[in-house]
């Protein structure tokens, strides 16, 4: 369901789509498979109708700012703030 909505939204909104691969490395994985599965996910977005000309698709690990911001937030955020999060 979500990707179908993304296809519709890309005509009405500025959209960026991310293949999140950094989360995958927090569990045991095969690095060679992860690389192929990352490409497969990007291909799925395109096959489902995401147009990379309208809405860029990027891989999370290729944008170093993601990991850098995570490190900064982890260093600056008190644990009691995190414990209040309800997700």
N, C-alpha and C. Protein backbone atom coordinates (compact mmCIF):
# COMPACT_ATOMS: atom_id res chain seq x y z
N UNK A 1 0.74 -1.19 0.00
CA UNK A 1 0.00 0.00 0.00
C UNK A 1 0.80 1.28 0.00
N UNK A 2 1.90 1.37 0.71
CA UNK A 2 2.61 2.64 0.85
C UNK A 2 3.18 3.11 -0.48
N UNK A 3 3.79 2.22 -1.22
CA UNK A 3 4.44 2.63 -2.47
C UNK A 3 3.40 3.14 -3.46
N UNK A 4 2.23 2.55 -3.48
CA UNK A 4 1.16 3.02 -4.37
C UNK A 4 0.84 4.49 -4.08
N UNK A 5 0.79 4.84 -2.80
CA UNK A 5 0.54 6.23 -2.42
C UNK A 5 1.69 7.13 -2.85
N UNK A 6 2.91 6.64 -2.71
CA UNK A 6 4.08 7.44 -3.11
C UNK A 6 4.01 7.78 -4.59
N UNK A 7 3.59 6.83 -5.40
CA UNK A 7 3.49 7.06 -6.84
C UNK A 7 2.52 8.21 -7.10
N UNK A 8 1.40 8.21 -6.40
CA UNK A 8 0.42 9.28 -6.58
C UNK A 8 0.94 10.62 -6.05
N UNK A 9 1.61 10.60 -4.92
CA UNK A 9 2.09 11.83 -4.29
C UNK A 9 3.18 12.53 -5.10
N UNK A 10 3.96 11.79 -5.87
CA UNK A 10 5.09 12.42 -6.56
C UNK A 10 4.66 13.46 -7.59
N UNK A 11 3.40 13.40 -8.02
CA UNK A 11 2.91 14.41 -8.95
C UNK A 11 2.47 15.69 -8.24
N UNK A 12 2.16 15.58 -6.95
CA UNK A 12 1.64 16.72 -6.20
C UNK A 12 2.65 17.35 -5.24
N UNK A 13 3.69 16.60 -4.88
CA UNK A 13 4.64 17.07 -3.87
C UNK A 13 6.07 16.82 -4.33
N UNK A 14 7.00 17.62 -3.81
CA UNK A 14 8.42 17.33 -4.01
C UNK A 14 8.75 16.14 -3.12
N UNK A 15 9.22 15.07 -3.72
CA UNK A 15 9.46 13.84 -2.98
C UNK A 15 10.87 13.32 -3.20
N UNK A 16 11.42 12.73 -2.16
CA UNK A 16 12.69 12.03 -2.22
C UNK A 16 12.45 10.66 -1.61
N UNK A 17 12.96 9.61 -2.25
CA UNK A 17 12.76 8.26 -1.75
C UNK A 17 14.11 7.64 -1.42
N UNK A 18 14.16 7.02 -0.26
CA UNK A 18 15.40 6.49 0.29
C UNK A 18 15.31 4.98 0.44
N UNK A 19 16.35 4.31 0.00
CA UNK A 19 16.50 2.89 0.29
C UNK A 19 17.34 2.82 1.56
N UNK A 20 16.72 2.43 2.66
CA UNK A 20 17.40 2.45 3.95
C UNK A 20 18.16 1.14 4.16
N UNK A 21 19.46 1.22 4.00
CA UNK A 21 20.29 0.03 4.14
C UNK A 21 21.11 0.03 5.43
N UNK A 22 21.25 1.18 6.08
CA UNK A 22 22.03 1.20 7.32
C UNK A 22 21.35 0.43 8.43
N UNK A 23 20.02 0.41 8.44
CA UNK A 23 19.30 -0.35 9.46
C UNK A 23 19.59 -1.84 9.33
N UNK A 24 19.82 -2.30 8.12
CA UNK A 24 20.05 -3.73 7.88
C UNK A 24 21.34 -4.23 8.51
N UNK A 25 22.32 -3.34 8.70
CA UNK A 25 23.60 -3.81 9.22
C UNK A 25 23.59 -3.95 10.74
N UNK A 26 22.46 -3.67 11.38
CA UNK A 26 22.38 -3.86 12.84
C UNK A 26 22.06 -5.31 13.19
N UNK A 27 21.82 -6.13 12.19
CA UNK A 27 21.55 -7.56 12.38
C UNK A 27 22.54 -8.35 11.52
N UNK A 28 22.75 -9.60 11.86
CA UNK A 28 23.66 -10.41 11.03
C UNK A 28 23.19 -10.39 9.57
N UNK A 29 24.14 -10.22 8.66
CA UNK A 29 23.80 -10.12 7.25
C UNK A 29 24.99 -10.53 6.39
N UNK A 30 24.71 -10.82 5.15
CA UNK A 30 25.74 -11.11 4.16
C UNK A 30 25.96 -9.82 3.36
N UNK A 31 27.13 -9.21 3.45
CA UNK A 31 27.37 -7.94 2.76
C UNK A 31 27.10 -7.99 1.26
N UNK A 32 27.44 -9.09 0.62
CA UNK A 32 27.20 -9.19 -0.83
C UNK A 32 25.70 -9.22 -1.12
N UNK A 33 24.96 -9.94 -0.30
CA UNK A 33 23.51 -9.98 -0.48
C UNK A 33 22.88 -8.62 -0.19
N UNK A 34 23.37 -7.93 0.81
CA UNK A 34 22.83 -6.62 1.16
C UNK A 34 22.98 -5.65 0.00
N UNK A 35 24.11 -5.68 -0.66
CA UNK A 35 24.33 -4.80 -1.81
C UNK A 35 23.31 -5.09 -2.91
N UNK A 36 23.09 -6.37 -3.21
CA UNK A 36 22.12 -6.73 -4.25
C UNK A 36 20.70 -6.40 -3.81
N UNK A 37 20.38 -6.65 -2.55
CA UNK A 37 19.03 -6.37 -2.05
C UNK A 37 18.75 -4.86 -2.04
N UNK A 38 19.78 -4.06 -1.83
CA UNK A 38 19.62 -2.61 -1.89
C UNK A 38 19.26 -2.18 -3.31
N UNK A 39 19.96 -2.73 -4.28
CA UNK A 39 19.64 -2.44 -5.68
C UNK A 39 18.25 -2.95 -6.05
N UNK A 40 17.89 -4.12 -5.52
CA UNK A 40 16.56 -4.68 -5.78
C UNK A 40 15.46 -3.76 -5.24
N UNK A 41 15.69 -3.18 -4.07
CA UNK A 41 14.70 -2.27 -3.49
C UNK A 41 14.53 -1.03 -4.36
N UNK A 42 15.64 -0.49 -4.85
CA UNK A 42 15.56 0.68 -5.73
C UNK A 42 14.83 0.31 -7.02
N UNK A 43 15.10 -0.87 -7.55
CA UNK A 43 14.42 -1.33 -8.76
C UNK A 43 12.93 -1.50 -8.51
N UNK A 44 12.57 -1.96 -7.32
CA UNK A 44 11.15 -2.11 -6.97
C UNK A 44 10.44 -0.76 -6.99
N UNK A 45 11.08 0.26 -6.44
CA UNK A 45 10.50 1.61 -6.46
C UNK A 45 10.20 2.03 -7.90
N UNK A 46 11.17 1.82 -8.78
CA UNK A 46 11.01 2.23 -10.18
C UNK A 46 9.93 1.39 -10.86
N UNK A 47 9.94 0.07 -10.62
CA UNK A 47 8.94 -0.81 -11.22
C UNK A 47 7.53 -0.47 -10.76
N UNK A 48 7.42 0.02 -9.53
CA UNK A 48 6.10 0.36 -8.98
C UNK A 48 5.58 1.70 -9.52
N UNK A 49 6.46 2.47 -10.18
CA UNK A 49 6.01 3.72 -10.77
C UNK A 49 6.67 4.98 -10.26
N UNK A 50 7.62 4.86 -9.34
CA UNK A 50 8.37 6.03 -8.91
C UNK A 50 9.24 6.48 -10.08
N UNK A 51 9.13 7.72 -10.45
CA UNK A 51 9.89 8.27 -11.57
C UNK A 51 11.11 9.01 -11.02
N UNK A 52 12.31 8.48 -11.23
CA UNK A 52 13.50 9.14 -10.68
C UNK A 52 13.74 10.54 -11.24
N UNK A 53 13.12 10.86 -12.37
CA UNK A 53 13.25 12.22 -12.92
C UNK A 53 12.43 13.22 -12.09
N UNK A 54 11.32 12.76 -11.53
CA UNK A 54 10.46 13.62 -10.69
C UNK A 54 10.88 13.55 -9.22
N UNK A 55 11.22 12.35 -8.78
CA UNK A 55 11.46 12.10 -7.36
C UNK A 55 12.75 11.29 -7.21
N UNK A 56 13.83 11.94 -6.81
CA UNK A 56 15.10 11.22 -6.69
C UNK A 56 15.01 10.04 -5.71
N UNK A 57 15.70 8.97 -6.07
CA UNK A 57 15.82 7.79 -5.21
C UNK A 57 17.29 7.72 -4.80
N UNK A 58 17.54 7.63 -3.49
CA UNK A 58 18.92 7.55 -3.04
C UNK A 58 19.07 6.44 -2.01
N UNK A 59 20.31 6.01 -1.83
CA UNK A 59 20.64 4.95 -0.86
C UNK A 59 21.18 5.63 0.40
N UNK A 60 20.60 5.27 1.53
CA UNK A 60 20.93 5.91 2.81
C UNK A 60 22.44 5.92 3.09
N UNK A 61 23.10 4.80 2.89
CA UNK A 61 24.53 4.72 3.22
C UNK A 61 25.40 5.55 2.28
N UNK A 62 24.85 6.01 1.17
CA UNK A 62 25.62 6.84 0.25
C UNK A 62 25.59 8.31 0.64
N UNK A 63 24.78 8.65 1.63
CA UNK A 63 24.69 10.03 2.12
C UNK A 63 25.30 10.03 3.52
N UNK A 64 26.54 10.46 3.61
CA UNK A 64 27.25 10.38 4.90
C UNK A 64 26.60 11.22 5.98
N UNK A 65 25.84 12.23 5.59
CA UNK A 65 25.19 13.09 6.58
C UNK A 65 24.21 12.30 7.46
N UNK A 66 23.66 11.20 6.95
CA UNK A 66 22.75 10.39 7.78
C UNK A 66 23.48 9.85 9.01
N UNK A 67 24.60 9.21 8.79
CA UNK A 67 25.36 8.64 9.91
C UNK A 67 25.94 9.74 10.80
N UNK A 68 26.38 10.83 10.18
CA UNK A 68 26.95 11.93 10.95
C UNK A 68 25.90 12.57 11.86
N UNK A 69 24.71 12.80 11.33
CA UNK A 69 23.64 13.39 12.14
C UNK A 69 23.23 12.44 13.26
N UNK A 70 23.18 11.15 12.96
CA UNK A 70 22.86 10.17 14.00
C UNK A 70 23.86 10.26 15.14
N UNK A 71 25.14 10.34 14.81
CA UNK A 71 26.17 10.43 15.84
C UNK A 71 25.98 11.71 16.66
N UNK A 72 25.74 12.83 15.99
CA UNK A 72 25.54 14.09 16.71
C UNK A 72 24.33 14.03 17.63
N UNK A 73 23.22 13.49 17.12
CA UNK A 73 22.02 13.40 17.95
C UNK A 73 22.23 12.47 19.14
N UNK A 74 22.95 11.37 18.93
CA UNK A 74 23.24 10.45 20.03
C UNK A 74 24.10 11.11 21.09
N UNK A 75 25.00 11.98 20.69
CA UNK A 75 25.88 12.66 21.64
C UNK A 75 25.17 13.80 22.38
N UNK A 76 24.17 14.40 21.76
CA UNK A 76 23.57 15.60 22.31
C UNK A 76 22.22 15.37 23.01
N UNK A 77 21.62 14.21 22.81
CA UNK A 77 20.28 13.98 23.33
C UNK A 77 20.34 13.26 24.67
N UNK A 78 19.84 13.88 25.74
CA UNK A 78 19.83 13.21 27.04
C UNK A 78 18.95 11.95 27.00
N UNK A 79 19.35 10.94 27.72
CA UNK A 79 18.63 9.66 27.72
C UNK A 79 17.19 9.83 28.20
N UNK A 80 16.92 10.74 29.13
CA UNK A 80 15.55 10.90 29.61
C UNK A 80 14.63 11.45 28.51
N UNK A 81 15.17 12.22 27.55
CA UNK A 81 14.36 12.66 26.41
C UNK A 81 13.98 11.46 25.55
N UNK A 82 14.93 10.58 25.35
CA UNK A 82 14.67 9.40 24.53
C UNK A 82 13.67 8.45 25.19
N UNK A 83 13.74 8.35 26.50
CA UNK A 83 12.84 7.47 27.22
C UNK A 83 11.40 7.96 27.18
N UNK A 84 11.20 9.23 26.91
CA UNK A 84 9.83 9.77 26.81
C UNK A 84 9.20 9.52 25.46
N UNK A 85 9.99 9.07 24.49
CA UNK A 85 9.45 8.84 23.14
C UNK A 85 8.49 7.66 23.17
N UNK A 86 7.35 7.85 22.57
CA UNK A 86 6.40 6.74 22.44
C UNK A 86 6.22 6.46 20.96
N UNK A 87 6.62 5.29 20.56
CA UNK A 87 6.52 4.93 19.13
C UNK A 87 5.86 3.59 19.00
